[in-house]
Amino acid sequence: MKIKFSIGLPAFKGKFLHESLNSVLKQSYANFELIIVNDCSPDPIREIVESYTDNRIKYFENEINIGSESVIKNWNKCLEKASAEYFVLMGDDDIMEPGYLEEFIKLINKYPELKIFHCRTKLIDENSNTTGLTPLCPDYESVYDNIWHRINGYRIQYISDFVYHTESLKKNNGFYDLPLAWYSDDVSSYIASKEKGIAYTAKPVFKFRYSSISISGSGNPAKKMHAFLGFEKWLIEFLKVKPSNEKDSILHQSIIDNYPTFRKRNLYFVLLNSYKTKNILKAFFWIKNKKKFSLKYSEIFLSVLKYLKQSLANLI
């Protein structure tokens, strides 16, 4: 039986939607359904979709905007409507290379027992110019290898460079819900690769767009901090169980040892960005809510110093 894919596309931004849809519909491997969920967008999403006459398109509209409350709820709404064996979540401003699905077919045939697969990605700007590549990964790795590389800063990955086994993803309650979808793609991929690992193709068959209108890239600093703490809670719980084989046991301990550095780096990232968008007075918000966000006075103070140092350097 020929493998079929469900491609879910939660649509809100219309600016790049034509380009995204064209890239999906021009796939060299044609056995897929394209599920588009219009998240009550002010942009002409319906008109854009209706300009296509492809019977593989399934179009739905939310009565209210779900993504403003939870990005993940709309992701999972796409998943609920999926009927194929494998699932891809596509961004409404990203691009698939023509051989995206075909390359994943090769991976699935090589590793049929796995529940998740991954590809290398090209980075593009708002004009679709290529600006870089994500780092290279091995053909296969365990979840511990993946987490170790990620927290040590050796990995860049995005939700659409993963392909999931649909039924397994549904059994795991869909994509892991965190505010603004921050760290959701990480945790979702770790859950899917927990038992049997993850396979990877070095061919860059996906294009991720860095855009000023990205939803998860912007947003409330407090929500970003909540998302990080949610990720941290999941990881601590996951690491309570020590793996049985020697290699993963070494990685498991190394993750624990290296986590404080990762935590500090991510806390400062959120804090410093909150000052850039909300000004330095945002520090008083963090002080007032330090217990709520598990912050120390020293962390807030050092983040202010880092921000002032960066600001002065920019003036010189």
C-alpha atoms as a PDB file:
ATOM      1  CA  MET A   1       0.000   0.000   0.000  1.00  0.00           C
ATOM      2  CA  LYS A   2       1.352   3.432  -0.980  1.00  0.00           C
ATOM      3  CA  ILE A   3       2.270   5.678   1.953  1.00  0.00           C
ATOM      4  CA  LYS A   4       0.088   8.751   2.330  1.00  0.00           C
ATOM      5  CA  PHE A   5       0.830  12.019   4.139  1.00  0.00           C
ATOM      6  CA  SER A   6      -1.447  14.513   5.857  1.00  0.00           C
ATOM      7  CA  ILE A   7      -0.026  18.031   5.621  1.00  0.00           C
ATOM      8  CA  GLY A   8      -1.632  20.332   8.175  1.00  0.00           C
ATOM      9  CA  LEU A   9      -1.434  24.073   7.563  1.00  0.00           C
ATOM     10  CA  PRO A  10      -2.809  26.383  10.290  1.00  0.00           C
ATOM     11  CA  ALA A  11      -3.328  29.589   8.300  1.00  0.00           C
ATOM     12  CA  PHE A  12      -3.424  33.092   9.728  1.00  0.00           C
ATOM     13  CA  LYS A  13      -0.969  35.177   7.721  1.00  0.00           C
ATOM     14  CA  GLY A  14      -1.799  35.644   4.047  1.00  0.00           C
ATOM     15  CA  LYS A  15       1.390  37.373   2.924  1.00  0.00           C
ATOM     16  CA  PHE A  16       3.330  34.235   1.939  1.00  0.00           C
ATOM     17  CA  LEU A  17       0.458  31.745   1.739  1.00  0.00           C
ATOM     18  CA  HIS A  18       0.433  31.434  -2.067  1.00  0.00           C
ATOM     19  CA  GLU A  19       4.119  30.582  -2.025  1.00  0.00           C
ATOM     20  CA  SER A  20       3.628  27.997   0.729  1.00  0.00           C
ATOM     21  CA  LEU A  21       0.648  26.350  -0.970  1.00  0.00           C
ATOM     22  CA  ASN A  22       2.420  26.218  -4.316  1.00  0.00           C
ATOM     23  CA  SER A  23       5.369  24.436  -2.722  1.00  0.00           C
ATOM     24  CA  VAL A  24       3.090  21.775  -1.228  1.00  0.00           C
ATOM     25  CA  LEU A  25       1.026  21.205  -4.364  1.00  0.00           C
ATOM     26  CA  LYS A  26       4.168  20.862  -6.511  1.00  0.00           C
ATOM     27  CA  GLN A  27       5.517  17.905  -4.537  1.00  0.00           C
ATOM     28  CA  SER A  28       7.047  15.168  -6.697  1.00  0.00           C
ATOM     29  CA  TYR A  29       5.322  12.628  -4.424  1.00  0.00           C
ATOM     30  CA  ALA A  30       1.617  13.271  -4.933  1.00  0.00           C
ATOM     31  CA  ASN A  31      -0.119  10.998  -2.412  1.00  0.00           C
ATOM     32  CA  PHE A  32      -1.113  13.476   0.285  1.00  0.00           C
ATOM     33  CA  GLU A  33      -3.972  15.536   1.671  1.00  0.00           C
ATOM     34  CA  LEU A  34      -3.531  19.217   2.507  1.00  0.00           C
ATOM     35  CA  ILE A  35      -5.556  20.294   5.542  1.00  0.00           C
ATOM     36  CA  ILE A  36      -5.879  24.077   5.823  1.00  0.00           C
ATOM     37  CA  VAL A  37      -7.421  25.557   8.974  1.00  0.00           C
ATOM     38  CA  ASN A  38      -8.145  29.292   8.709  1.00  0.00           C
ATOM     39  CA  ASP A  39      -7.732  30.613  12.244  1.00  0.00           C
ATOM     40  CA  CYS A  40     -10.303  33.405  11.859  1.00  0.00           C
ATOM     41  CA  SER A  41      -7.745  35.526  10.016  1.00  0.00           C
ATOM     42  CA  PRO A  42      -8.358  39.131   8.911  1.00  0.00           C
ATOM     43  CA  ASP A  43      -6.361  38.280   5.761  1.00  0.00           C
ATOM     44  CA  PRO A  44      -8.159  36.863   2.670  1.00  0.00           C
ATOM     45  CA  ILE A  45      -7.239  33.243   3.453  1.00  0.00           C
ATOM     46  CA  ARG A  46     -10.419  31.763   1.962  1.00  0.00           C
ATOM     47  CA  GLU A  47      -9.988  33.692  -1.291  1.00  0.00           C
ATOM     48  CA  ILE A  48      -6.384  32.511  -1.586  1.00  0.00           C
ATOM     49  CA  VAL A  49      -7.361  28.875  -1.023  1.00  0.00           C
ATOM     50  CA  GLU A  50     -10.323  29.112  -3.421  1.00  0.00           C
ATOM     51  CA  SER A  51      -7.939  30.160  -6.195  1.00  0.00           C
ATOM     52  CA  TYR A  52      -6.776  26.509  -6.236  1.00  0.00           C
ATOM     53  CA  THR A  53      -8.837  23.635  -7.662  1.00  0.00           C
ATOM     54  CA  ASP A  54      -6.842  20.713  -6.284  1.00  0.00           C
ATOM     55  CA  ASN A  55      -9.069  18.007  -4.743  1.00  0.00           C
ATOM     56  CA  ARG A  56      -6.363  17.129  -2.210  1.00  0.00           C
ATOM     57  CA  ILE A  57      -7.119  20.393  -0.378  1.00  0.00           C
ATOM     58  CA  LYS A  58      -9.452  20.212   2.638  1.00  0.00           C
ATOM     59  CA  TYR A  59     -10.378  23.658   3.918  1.00  0.00           C
ATOM     60  CA  PHE A  60     -11.796  24.525   7.363  1.00  0.00           C
ATOM     61  CA  GLU A  61     -12.483  27.760   9.250  1.00  0.00           C
ATOM     62  CA  ASN A  62     -12.401  28.455  12.977  1.00  0.00           C
ATOM     63  CA  GLU A  63     -15.318  30.545  14.235  1.00  0.00           C
ATOM     64  CA  ILE A  64     -12.996  32.342  16.648  1.00  0.00           C
ATOM     65  CA  ASN A  65      -9.243  32.876  16.656  1.00  0.00           C
ATOM     66  CA  ILE A  66      -7.798  29.909  18.547  1.00  0.00           C
ATOM     67  CA  GLY A  67      -4.140  30.791  18.030  1.00  0.00           C
ATOM     68  CA  SER A  68      -4.353  33.957  20.127  1.00  0.00           C
ATOM     69  CA  GLU A  69      -5.135  31.758  23.142  1.00  0.00           C
ATOM     70  CA  SER A  70      -2.999  28.754  22.209  1.00  0.00           C
ATOM     71  CA  VAL A  71      -0.988  28.219  19.023  1.00  0.00           C
ATOM     72  CA  ILE A  72      -0.886  24.502  19.811  1.00  0.00           C
ATOM     73  CA  LYS A  73      -4.681  24.156  19.876  1.00  0.00           C
ATOM     74  CA  ASN A  74      -4.772  25.118  16.215  1.00  0.00           C
ATOM     75  CA  TRP A  75      -1.871  22.789  15.411  1.00  0.00           C
ATOM     76  CA  ASN A  76      -3.780  19.961  17.065  1.00  0.00           C
ATOM     77  CA  LYS A  77      -6.968  20.882  15.240  1.00  0.00           C
ATOM     78  CA  CYS A  78      -5.087  20.211  11.990  1.00  0.00           C
ATOM     79  CA  LEU A  79      -3.900  16.902  13.445  1.00  0.00           C
ATOM     80  CA  GLU A  80      -7.436  15.877  14.456  1.00  0.00           C
ATOM     81  CA  LYS A  81      -8.541  16.118  10.827  1.00  0.00           C
ATOM     82  CA  ALA A  82      -5.599  14.062   9.520  1.00  0.00           C
ATOM     83  CA  SER A  83      -6.450  10.669   8.026  1.00  0.00           C
ATOM     84  CA  ALA A  84      -3.115   9.611   6.508  1.00  0.00           C
ATOM     85  CA  GLU A  85      -0.376   7.467   8.034  1.00  0.00           C
ATOM     86  CA  TYR A  86       2.161  10.281   8.420  1.00  0.00           C
ATOM     87  CA  PHE A  87       1.701  13.903   9.447  1.00  0.00           C
ATOM     88  CA  VAL A  88       3.556  17.135   8.663  1.00  0.00           C
ATOM     89  CA  LEU A  89       2.717  20.531  10.169  1.00  0.00           C
ATOM     90  CA  MET A  90       3.445  23.260   7.626  1.00  0.00           C
ATOM     91  CA  GLY A  91       3.926  26.950   8.464  1.00  0.00           C
ATOM     92  CA  ASP A  92       1.853  29.428   6.437  1.00  0.00           C
ATOM     93  CA  ASP A  93       5.010  31.282   5.406  1.00  0.00           C
ATOM     94  CA  ASP A  94       7.416  28.363   4.912  1.00  0.00           C
ATOM     95  CA  ILE A  95       8.332  26.388   1.794  1.00  0.00           C
ATOM     96  CA  MET A  96       8.758  22.720   0.915  1.00  0.00           C
ATOM     97  CA  GLU A  97      11.267  21.789  -1.760  1.00  0.00           C
ATOM     98  CA  PRO A  98       9.643  19.655  -4.527  1.00  0.00           C
ATOM     99  CA  GLY A  99      11.332  16.516  -3.164  1.00  0.00           C
ATOM    100  CA  TYR A 100      10.356  17.002   0.506  1.00  0.00           C
ATOM    101  CA  LEU A 101       7.860  14.124   0.742  1.00  0.00           C
ATOM    102  CA  GLU A 102       9.880  11.906  -1.577  1.00  0.00           C
ATOM    103  CA  GLU A 103      12.928  12.242   0.666  1.00  0.00           C
ATOM    104  CA  PHE A 104      10.895  11.319   3.734  1.00  0.00           C
ATOM    105  CA  ILE A 105       9.527   8.256   1.926  1.00  0.00           C
ATOM    106  CA  LYS A 106      13.129   7.025   1.659  1.00  0.00           C
ATOM    107  CA  LEU A 107      13.635   7.541   5.398  1.00  0.00           C
ATOM    108  CA  ILE A 108      10.379   5.800   6.301  1.00  0.00           C
ATOM    109  CA  ASN A 109      11.243   2.810   4.116  1.00  0.00           C
ATOM    110  CA  LYS A 110      14.713   2.612   5.682  1.00  0.00           C
ATOM    111  CA  TYR A 111      13.453   2.954   9.286  1.00  0.00           C
ATOM    112  CA  PRO A 112       9.826   1.696   9.219  1.00  0.00           C
ATOM    113  CA  GLU A 113       9.776   1.089  12.984  1.00  0.00           C
ATOM    114  CA  LEU A 114      10.357   4.756  13.881  1.00  0.00           C
ATOM    115  CA  LYS A 115       7.646   7.272  14.783  1.00  0.00           C
ATOM    116  CA  ILE A 116       9.475  10.473  13.809  1.00  0.00           C
ATOM    117  CA  PHE A 117      11.765  11.647  11.006  1.00  0.00           C
ATOM    118  CA  HIS A 118      13.733  14.852  10.468  1.00  0.00           C
ATOM    119  CA  CYS A 119      15.380  16.828   7.646  1.00  0.00           C
ATOM    120  CA  ARG A 120      17.982  19.542   7.233  1.00  0.00           C
ATOM    121  CA  THR A 121      16.570  23.013   6.577  1.00  0.00           C
ATOM    122  CA  LYS A 122      17.465  26.091   4.554  1.00  0.00           C
ATOM    123  CA  LEU A 123      16.888  29.436   6.254  1.00  0.00           C
ATOM    124  CA  ILE A 124      15.272  32.151   4.131  1.00  0.00           C
ATOM    125  CA  ASP A 125      14.377  35.817   4.578  1.00  0.00           C
ATOM    126  CA  GLU A 126      11.184  37.707   3.744  1.00  0.00           C
ATOM    127  CA  ASN A 127      12.237  37.841   0.079  1.00  0.00           C
ATOM    128  CA  SER A 128      12.795  34.056  -0.022  1.00  0.00           C
ATOM    129  CA  ASN A 129      16.567  34.504  -0.287  1.00  0.00           C
ATOM    130  CA  THR A 130      18.570  31.701   1.330  1.00  0.00           C
ATOM    131  CA  THR A 131      20.536  32.992   4.320  1.00  0.00           C
ATOM    132  CA  GLY A 132      21.848  29.787   5.876  1.00  0.00           C
ATOM    133  CA  LEU A 133      21.495  26.102   6.736  1.00  0.00           C
ATOM    134  CA  THR A 134      20.698  24.270   9.945  1.00  0.00           C
ATOM    135  CA  PRO A 135      23.561  22.155  11.371  1.00  0.00           C
ATOM    136  CA  LEU A 136      24.120  18.625  10.097  1.00  0.00           C
ATOM    137  CA  CYS A 137      22.775  15.684  12.140  1.00  0.00           C
ATOM    138  CA  PRO A 138      23.573  11.936  12.052  1.00  0.00           C
ATOM    139  CA  ASP A 139      21.386   9.537  10.037  1.00  0.00           C
ATOM    140  CA  TYR A 140      19.993   8.103  13.267  1.00  0.00           C
ATOM    141  CA  GLU A 141      20.174   9.009  16.947  1.00  0.00           C
ATOM    142  CA  SER A 142      18.484   8.308  20.260  1.00  0.00           C
ATOM    143  CA  VAL A 143      16.371  10.867  22.075  1.00  0.00           C
ATOM    144  CA  TYR A 144      19.254  11.460  24.503  1.00  0.00           C
ATOM    145  CA  ASP A 145      21.646  12.295  21.671  1.00  0.00           C
ATOM    146  CA  ASN A 146      19.067  14.701  20.285  1.00  0.00           C
ATOM    147  CA  ILE A 147      18.453  16.445  23.611  1.00  0.00           C
ATOM    148  CA  TRP A 148      22.188  16.635  24.382  1.00  0.00           C
ATOM    149  CA  HIS A 149      22.965  18.361  21.084  1.00  0.00           C
ATOM    150  CA  ARG A 150      19.977  20.681  21.438  1.00  0.00           C
ATOM    151  CA  ILE A 151      20.689  21.961  24.955  1.00  0.00           C
ATOM    152  CA  ASN A 152      24.380  22.418  24.153  1.00  0.00           C
ATOM    153  CA  GLY A 153      23.517  24.713  21.247  1.00  0.00           C
ATOM    154  CA  TYR A 154      24.517  22.380  18.404  1.00  0.00           C
ATOM    155  CA  ARG A 155      21.050  22.041  16.898  1.00  0.00           C
ATOM    156  CA  ILE A 156      18.544  24.338  15.216  1.00  0.00           C
ATOM    157  CA  GLN A 157      15.205  22.759  14.366  1.00  0.00           C
ATOM    158  CA  TYR A 158      11.653  23.777  13.463  1.00  0.00           C
ATOM    159  CA  ILE A 159       8.269  22.097  13.604  1.00  0.00           C
ATOM    160  CA  SER A 160       7.975  21.625   9.830  1.00  0.00           C
ATOM    161  CA  ASP A 161      11.243  19.775   9.381  1.00  0.00           C
ATOM    162  CA  PHE A 162       9.721  16.840  11.273  1.00  0.00           C
ATOM    163  CA  VAL A 163       7.410  14.129   9.948  1.00  0.00           C
ATOM    164  CA  TYR A 164       5.400  12.196  12.554  1.00  0.00           C
ATOM    165  CA  HIS A 165       3.604   8.868  12.561  1.00  0.00           C
ATOM    166  CA  THR A 166       0.054  10.217  12.799  1.00  0.00           C
ATOM    167  CA  GLU A 167      -1.513   7.653  15.108  1.00  0.00           C
ATOM    168  CA  SER A 168       1.415   7.768  17.534  1.00  0.00           C
ATOM    169  CA  LEU A 169       1.266  11.571  17.676  1.00  0.00           C
ATOM    170  CA  LYS A 170      -2.469  11.419  18.382  1.00  0.00           C
ATOM    171  CA  LYS A 171      -1.928   8.823  21.136  1.00  0.00           C
ATOM    172  CA  ASN A 172       0.534  11.218  22.751  1.00  0.00           C
ATOM    173  CA  ASN A 173      -2.252  13.864  22.870  1.00  0.00           C
ATOM    174  CA  GLY A 174      -0.885  15.704  19.861  1.00  0.00           C
ATOM    175  CA  PHE A 175       1.695  18.464  19.988  1.00  0.00           C
ATOM    176  CA  TYR A 176       2.837  19.405  23.480  1.00  0.00           C
ATOM    177  CA  ASP A 177       1.052  22.562  24.592  1.00  0.00           C
ATOM    178  CA  LEU A 178       3.270  25.422  25.744  1.00  0.00           C
ATOM    179  CA  PRO A 179       2.586  29.193  25.440  1.00  0.00           C
ATOM    180  CA  LEU A 180       3.349  30.663  21.987  1.00  0.00           C
ATOM    181  CA  ALA A 181       4.422  27.119  20.967  1.00  0.00           C
ATOM    182  CA  TRP A 182       7.838  27.907  22.463  1.00  0.00           C
ATOM    183  CA  TYR A 183       9.699  24.599  22.989  1.00  0.00           C
ATOM    184  CA  SER A 184       6.582  22.705  21.840  1.00  0.00           C
ATOM    185  CA  ASP A 185       8.348  21.322  18.765  1.00  0.00           C
ATOM    186  CA  ASP A 186      11.259  20.203  20.961  1.00  0.00           C
ATOM    187  CA  VAL A 187       9.151  18.376  23.541  1.00  0.00           C
ATOM    188  CA  SER A 188       6.868  16.864  20.881  1.00  0.00           C
ATOM    189  CA  SER A 189       9.879  15.462  19.019  1.00  0.00           C
ATOM    190  CA  TYR A 190      11.430  14.111  22.228  1.00  0.00           C
ATOM    191  CA  ILE A 191       8.217  12.306  23.148  1.00  0.00           C
ATOM    192  CA  ALA A 192       7.964  10.790  19.656  1.00  0.00           C
ATOM    193  CA  SER A 193      11.608   9.641  19.649  1.00  0.00           C
ATOM    194  CA  LYS A 194      11.680   8.470  23.274  1.00  0.00           C
ATOM    195  CA  GLU A 195      11.241   4.759  22.563  1.00  0.00           C
ATOM    196  CA  LYS A 196      12.964   4.139  19.228  1.00  0.00           C
ATOM    197  CA  GLY A 197      14.911   7.261  18.280  1.00  0.00           C
ATOM    198  CA  ILE A 198      14.797   9.530  15.232  1.00  0.00           C
ATOM    199  CA  ALA A 199      16.084   9.293  11.630  1.00  0.00           C
ATOM    200  CA  TYR A 200      17.434  12.189   9.589  1.00  0.00           C
ATOM    201  CA  THR A 201      18.120  13.177   5.992  1.00  0.00           C
ATOM    202  CA  ALA A 202      20.980  15.558   5.251  1.00  0.00           C
ATOM    203  CA  LYS A 203      19.193  16.878   2.170  1.00  0.00           C
ATOM    204  CA  PRO A 204      17.807  20.376   2.942  1.00  0.00           C
ATOM    205  CA  VAL A 205      14.286  19.825   1.595  1.00  0.00           C
ATOM    206  CA  PHE A 206      12.533  22.428   3.751  1.00  0.00           C
ATOM    207  CA  LYS A 207      12.812  26.231   3.897  1.00  0.00           C
ATOM    208  CA  PHE A 208      12.091  28.064   7.143  1.00  0.00           C
ATOM    209  CA  ARG A 209      11.319  31.757   6.832  1.00  0.00           C
ATOM    210  CA  TYR A 210      12.594  34.305   9.342  1.00  0.00           C
ATOM    211  CA  SER A 211       9.927  36.983   9.258  1.00  0.00           C
ATOM    212  CA  SER A 212       8.977  40.085  11.233  1.00  0.00           C
ATOM    213  CA  ILE A 213       5.395  38.772  11.365  1.00  0.00           C
ATOM    214  CA  SER A 214       6.214  35.413  12.944  1.00  0.00           C
ATOM    215  CA  ILE A 215       3.756  34.568  15.742  1.00  0.00           C
ATOM    216  CA  SER A 216       5.930  32.408  18.009  1.00  0.00           C
ATOM    217  CA  GLY A 217       8.990  34.599  17.452  1.00  0.00           C
ATOM    218  CA  SER A 218       7.239  37.620  18.944  1.00  0.00           C
ATOM    219  CA  GLY A 219       4.840  37.851  21.845  1.00  0.00           C
ATOM    220  CA  ASN A 220       4.506  38.391  25.577  1.00  0.00           C
ATOM    221  CA  PRO A 221       7.774  37.899  27.539  1.00  0.00           C
ATOM    222  CA  ALA A 222       5.826  36.464  30.475  1.00  0.00           C
ATOM    223  CA  LYS A 223       4.336  33.792  28.201  1.00  0.00           C
ATOM    224  CA  LYS A 224       7.803  32.978  26.895  1.00  0.00           C
ATOM    225  CA  MET A 225       9.035  32.547  30.467  1.00  0.00           C
ATOM    226  CA  HIS A 226       6.045  30.317  31.269  1.00  0.00           C
ATOM    227  CA  ALA A 227       6.868  28.259  28.170  1.00  0.00           C
ATOM    228  CA  PHE A 228      10.471  27.810  29.241  1.00  0.00           C
ATOM    229  CA  LEU A 229       9.414  26.746  32.736  1.00  0.00           C
ATOM    230  CA  GLY A 230       6.935  24.298  31.189  1.00  0.00           C
ATOM    231  CA  PHE A 231       9.719  22.823  29.089  1.00  0.00           C
ATOM    232  CA  GLU A 232      11.958  22.625  32.149  1.00  0.00           C
ATOM    233  CA  LYS A 233       9.280  20.795  34.133  1.00  0.00           C
ATOM    234  CA  TRP A 234       8.856  18.235  31.336  1.00  0.00           C
ATOM    235  CA  LEU A 235      12.618  17.691  30.995  1.00  0.00           C
ATOM    236  CA  ILE A 236      13.175  17.225  34.740  1.00  0.00           C
ATOM    237  CA  GLU A 237      10.427  14.601  34.810  1.00  0.00           C
ATOM    238  CA  PHE A 238      11.840  12.857  31.724  1.00  0.00           C
ATOM    239  CA  LEU A 239      15.352  12.700  33.191  1.00  0.00           C
ATOM    240  CA  LYS A 240      14.138  10.960  36.359  1.00  0.00           C
ATOM    241  CA  VAL A 241      14.301   7.664  34.457  1.00  0.00           C
ATOM    242  CA  LYS A 242      17.855   6.573  33.666  1.00  0.00           C
ATOM    243  CA  PRO A 243      18.337   4.747  30.324  1.00  0.00           C
ATOM    244  CA  SER A 244      19.530   1.137  30.332  1.00  0.00           C
ATOM    245  CA  ASN A 245      22.317   1.257  27.728  1.00  0.00           C
ATOM    246  CA  GLU A 246      25.754   2.705  28.462  1.00  0.00           C
ATOM    247  CA  LYS A 247      25.907   5.341  25.717  1.00  0.00           C
ATOM    248  CA  ASP A 248      22.540   6.871  26.599  1.00  0.00           C
ATOM    249  CA  SER A 249      23.409   6.726  30.312  1.00  0.00           C
ATOM    250  CA  ILE A 250      26.509   8.843  29.654  1.00  0.00           C
ATOM    251  CA  LEU A 251      24.448  11.335  27.629  1.00  0.00           C
ATOM    252  CA  HIS A 252      21.733  11.345  30.306  1.00  0.00           C
ATOM    253  CA  GLN A 253      24.234  12.397  32.975  1.00  0.00           C
ATOM    254  CA  SER A 254      25.838  14.943  30.662  1.00  0.00           C
ATOM    255  CA  ILE A 255      22.436  16.534  30.004  1.00  0.00           C
ATOM    256  CA  ILE A 256      21.917  16.873  33.761  1.00  0.00           C
ATOM    257  CA  ASP A 257      25.407  18.349  34.212  1.00  0.00           C
ATOM    258  CA  ASN A 258      25.067  20.822  31.327  1.00  0.00           C
ATOM    259  CA  TYR A 259      21.485  21.878  31.986  1.00  0.00           C
ATOM    260  CA  PRO A 260      22.285  24.802  34.372  1.00  0.00           C
ATOM    261  CA  THR A 261      24.266  26.527  31.596  1.00  0.00           C
ATOM    262  CA  PHE A 262      21.410  25.987  29.140  1.00  0.00           C
ATOM    263  CA  ARG A 263      18.922  27.322  31.695  1.00  0.00           C
ATOM    264  CA  LYS A 264      20.944  30.461  32.356  1.00  0.00           C
ATOM    265  CA  ARG A 265      21.358  31.129  28.628  1.00  0.00           C
ATOM    266  CA  ASN A 266      17.619  30.843  27.974  1.00  0.00           C
ATOM    267  CA  LEU A 267      16.578  32.883  31.004  1.00  0.00           C
ATOM    268  CA  TYR A 268      18.854  35.732  29.953  1.00  0.00           C
ATOM    269  CA  PHE A 269      17.551  35.505  26.404  1.00  0.00           C
ATOM    270  CA  VAL A 270      13.964  36.068  27.583  1.00  0.00           C
ATOM    271  CA  LEU A 271      14.906  38.748  30.111  1.00  0.00           C
ATOM    272  CA  LEU A 272      17.094  40.752  27.727  1.00  0.00           C
ATOM    273  CA  ASN A 273      14.528  40.613  24.950  1.00  0.00           C
ATOM    274  CA  SER A 274      11.837  41.840  27.336  1.00  0.00           C
ATOM    275  CA  TYR A 275      13.942  44.957  28.002  1.00  0.00           C
ATOM    276  CA  LYS A 276      14.399  45.555  24.278  1.00  0.00           C
ATOM    277  CA  THR A 277      10.658  45.416  23.602  1.00  0.00           C
ATOM    278  CA  LYS A 278       9.244  46.784  26.871  1.00  0.00           C
ATOM    279  CA  ASN A 279      12.244  48.925  28.036  1.00  0.00           C
ATOM    280  CA  ILE A 280      14.436  48.460  31.087  1.00  0.00           C
ATOM    281  CA  LEU A 281      11.548  49.105  33.495  1.00  0.00           C
ATOM    282  CA  LYS A 282      10.402  45.559  32.707  1.00  0.00           C
ATOM    283  CA  ALA A 283      12.982  44.520  35.309  1.00  0.00           C
ATOM    284  CA  PHE A 284      10.571  45.674  38.030  1.00  0.00           C
ATOM    285  CA  PHE A 285       7.957  43.260  36.673  1.00  0.00           C
ATOM    286  CA  TRP A 286      10.417  40.367  36.968  1.00  0.00           C
ATOM    287  CA  ILE A 287      11.390  41.420  40.500  1.00  0.00           C
ATOM    288  CA  LYS A 288       7.739  41.602  41.545  1.00  0.00           C
ATOM    289  CA  ASN A 289       7.020  38.178  40.035  1.00  0.00           C
ATOM    290  CA  LYS A 290      10.349  36.466  40.702  1.00  0.00           C
ATOM    291  CA  LYS A 291       8.791  33.673  42.780  1.00  0.00           C
ATOM    292  CA  LYS A 292       6.161  32.992  40.116  1.00  0.00           C
ATOM    293  CA  PHE A 293       8.867  32.594  37.455  1.00  0.00           C
ATOM    294  CA  SER A 294      11.442  30.870  39.709  1.00  0.00           C
ATOM    295  CA  LEU A 295      13.883  33.762  39.260  1.00  0.00           C
ATOM    296  CA  LYS A 296      16.626  34.970  41.594  1.00  0.00           C
ATOM    297  CA  TYR A 297      17.460  38.612  42.321  1.00  0.00           C
ATOM    298  CA  SER A 298      20.979  37.927  41.055  1.00  0.00           C
ATOM    299  CA  GLU A 299      19.665  36.660  37.695  1.00  0.00           C
ATOM    300  CA  ILE A 300      17.512  39.751  37.179  1.00  0.00           C
ATOM    301  CA  PHE A 301      20.331  42.074  38.272  1.00  0.00           C
ATOM    302  CA  LEU A 302      22.857  40.416  35.939  1.00  0.00           C
ATOM    303  CA  SER A 303      20.381  40.532  33.053  1.00  0.00           C
ATOM    304  CA  VAL A 304      19.996  44.306  33.557  1.00  0.00           C
ATOM    305  CA  LEU A 305      23.779  44.722  33.560  1.00  0.00           C
ATOM    306  CA  LYS A 306      24.062  42.661  30.368  1.00  0.00           C
ATOM    307  CA  TYR A 307      21.368  44.766  28.721  1.00  0.00           C
ATOM    308  CA  LEU A 308      23.030  48.058  29.715  1.00  0.00           C
ATOM    309  CA  LYS A 309      26.397  46.772  28.515  1.00  0.00           C
ATOM    310  CA  GLN A 310      24.910  45.804  25.136  1.00  0.00           C
ATOM    311  CA  SER A 311      23.119  49.157  24.852  1.00  0.00           C
ATOM    312  CA  LEU A 312      26.306  51.101  25.563  1.00  0.00           C
ATOM    313  CA  ALA A 313      28.251  48.999  23.057  1.00  0.00           C
ATOM    314  CA  ASN A 314      25.670  49.831  20.385  1.00  0.00           C
ATOM    315  CA  LEU A 315      26.081  53.553  21.073  1.00  0.00           C
ATOM    316  CA  ILE A 316      29.850  53.486  20.609  1.00  0.00           C
END
